[in-house]
Amino acid sequence: MDRKGRIGYADETGKTVIRPRFAFGYPFEGGKAKVTDSGERKEVAGSGGEHWYWESDDWYYIDKQGNQCENQDTDRDKTHP
């Protein structure tokens, strides 16, 4: 994460491999990660501030080099992979 709160990715040693540039991103799974450049952090109702989620209409997947994947299999769910 950078000073502006953008998300990036690091390898097992902590070395940055994809510079911070996303508003939010999920961990890699199956060689790709679901990310977004926009959206809003929202509190889970009734959690008393303990749990949050990210809402966005613009999810897409990246590969381990940070390139947008051609086959975008994003579902209609706006909050999780």
Protein backbone atom coordinates (compact mmCIF):
# COMPACT_ATOMS: atom_id res chain seq x y z
CA MET A 1 0.00 0.00 0.00
CA ASP A 2 1.29 3.46 -0.79
CA ARG A 3 0.74 6.79 0.98
CA LYS A 4 -2.44 7.42 -1.01
CA GLY A 5 -3.91 4.09 0.13
CA ARG A 6 -3.53 2.35 -3.23
CA ILE A 7 -2.99 -1.42 -3.23
CA GLY A 8 -0.12 -3.31 -4.89
CA TYR A 9 1.36 -6.78 -4.63
CA ALA A 10 4.60 -8.17 -3.19
CA ASP A 11 6.31 -11.54 -3.40
CA GLU A 12 7.08 -13.87 -0.47
CA THR A 13 10.16 -11.81 0.44
CA GLY A 14 8.27 -8.52 0.54
CA LYS A 15 9.67 -7.23 -2.76
CA THR A 16 7.13 -5.17 -4.70
CA VAL A 17 6.20 -6.99 -7.91
CA ILE A 18 3.14 -4.93 -8.90
CA ARG A 19 3.35 -1.29 -7.88
CA PRO A 20 0.48 0.13 -5.80
CA ARG A 21 -2.15 1.45 -8.20
CA PHE A 22 -5.47 -0.19 -7.27
CA ALA A 23 -8.21 1.13 -5.00
CA PHE A 24 -8.71 -2.44 -3.75
CA GLY A 25 -7.47 -5.91 -4.65
CA TYR A 26 -8.05 -9.47 -3.53
CA PRO A 27 -5.26 -12.04 -3.09
CA PHE A 28 -4.12 -14.01 -6.12
CA GLU A 29 -5.96 -17.25 -6.76
CA GLY A 30 -5.35 -19.48 -9.76
CA GLY A 31 -2.82 -17.05 -11.20
CA LYS A 32 -5.06 -13.99 -11.14
CA ALA A 33 -6.33 -11.36 -8.71
CA LYS A 34 -9.59 -9.42 -8.78
CA VAL A 35 -8.94 -5.66 -8.52
CA THR A 36 -10.64 -2.30 -8.98
CA ASP A 37 -9.52 1.27 -9.54
CA SER A 38 -12.62 2.78 -7.95
CA GLY A 39 -15.25 2.14 -5.36
CA GLU A 40 -16.01 2.70 -1.75
CA ARG A 41 -15.19 1.04 1.56
CA LYS A 42 -18.41 0.19 3.41
CA GLU A 43 -19.09 -1.13 6.88
CA VAL A 44 -20.91 -4.43 7.26
CA ALA A 45 -24.20 -3.58 8.95
CA GLY A 46 -24.31 -4.60 12.58
CA SER A 47 -20.56 -5.18 12.86
CA GLY A 48 -19.88 -2.12 15.00
CA GLY A 49 -17.01 -1.16 12.70
CA GLU A 50 -15.32 -4.57 13.00
CA HIS A 51 -15.95 -5.68 9.39
CA TRP A 52 -15.77 -3.83 6.08
CA TYR A 53 -16.11 -4.62 2.39
CA TRP A 54 -15.29 -2.83 -0.86
CA GLU A 55 -18.07 -1.95 -3.29
CA SER A 56 -17.30 -1.21 -6.93
CA ASP A 57 -18.90 -1.53 -10.36
CA ASP A 58 -15.52 -1.81 -12.11
CA TRP A 59 -13.85 -5.09 -11.11
CA TYR A 60 -11.37 -6.80 -13.40
CA TYR A 61 -8.64 -9.44 -13.13
CA ILE A 62 -4.88 -9.05 -13.42
CA ASP A 63 -2.15 -11.62 -13.95
CA LYS A 64 1.00 -11.91 -11.83
CA GLN A 65 2.74 -9.27 -13.95
CA GLY A 66 -0.07 -6.77 -13.32
CA ASN A 67 -1.56 -7.00 -16.81
CA GLN A 68 -5.32 -7.03 -17.24
CA CYS A 69 -6.48 -10.53 -18.14
CA GLU A 70 -8.26 -10.91 -21.45
CA ASN A 71 -10.86 -13.39 -20.18
CA GLN A 72 -12.73 -11.38 -17.59
CA ASP A 73 -14.96 -13.75 -15.68
CA THR A 74 -16.25 -11.20 -13.17
CA ASP A 75 -19.64 -12.02 -11.80
CA ARG A 76 -22.41 -9.56 -10.99
CA ASP A 77 -21.43 -9.50 -7.32
CA LYS A 78 -19.87 -6.11 -6.65
CA THR A 79 -18.11 -6.94 -3.38
CA HIS A 80 -16.09 -10.15 -3.52
CA PRO A 81 -14.28 -12.52 -5.90
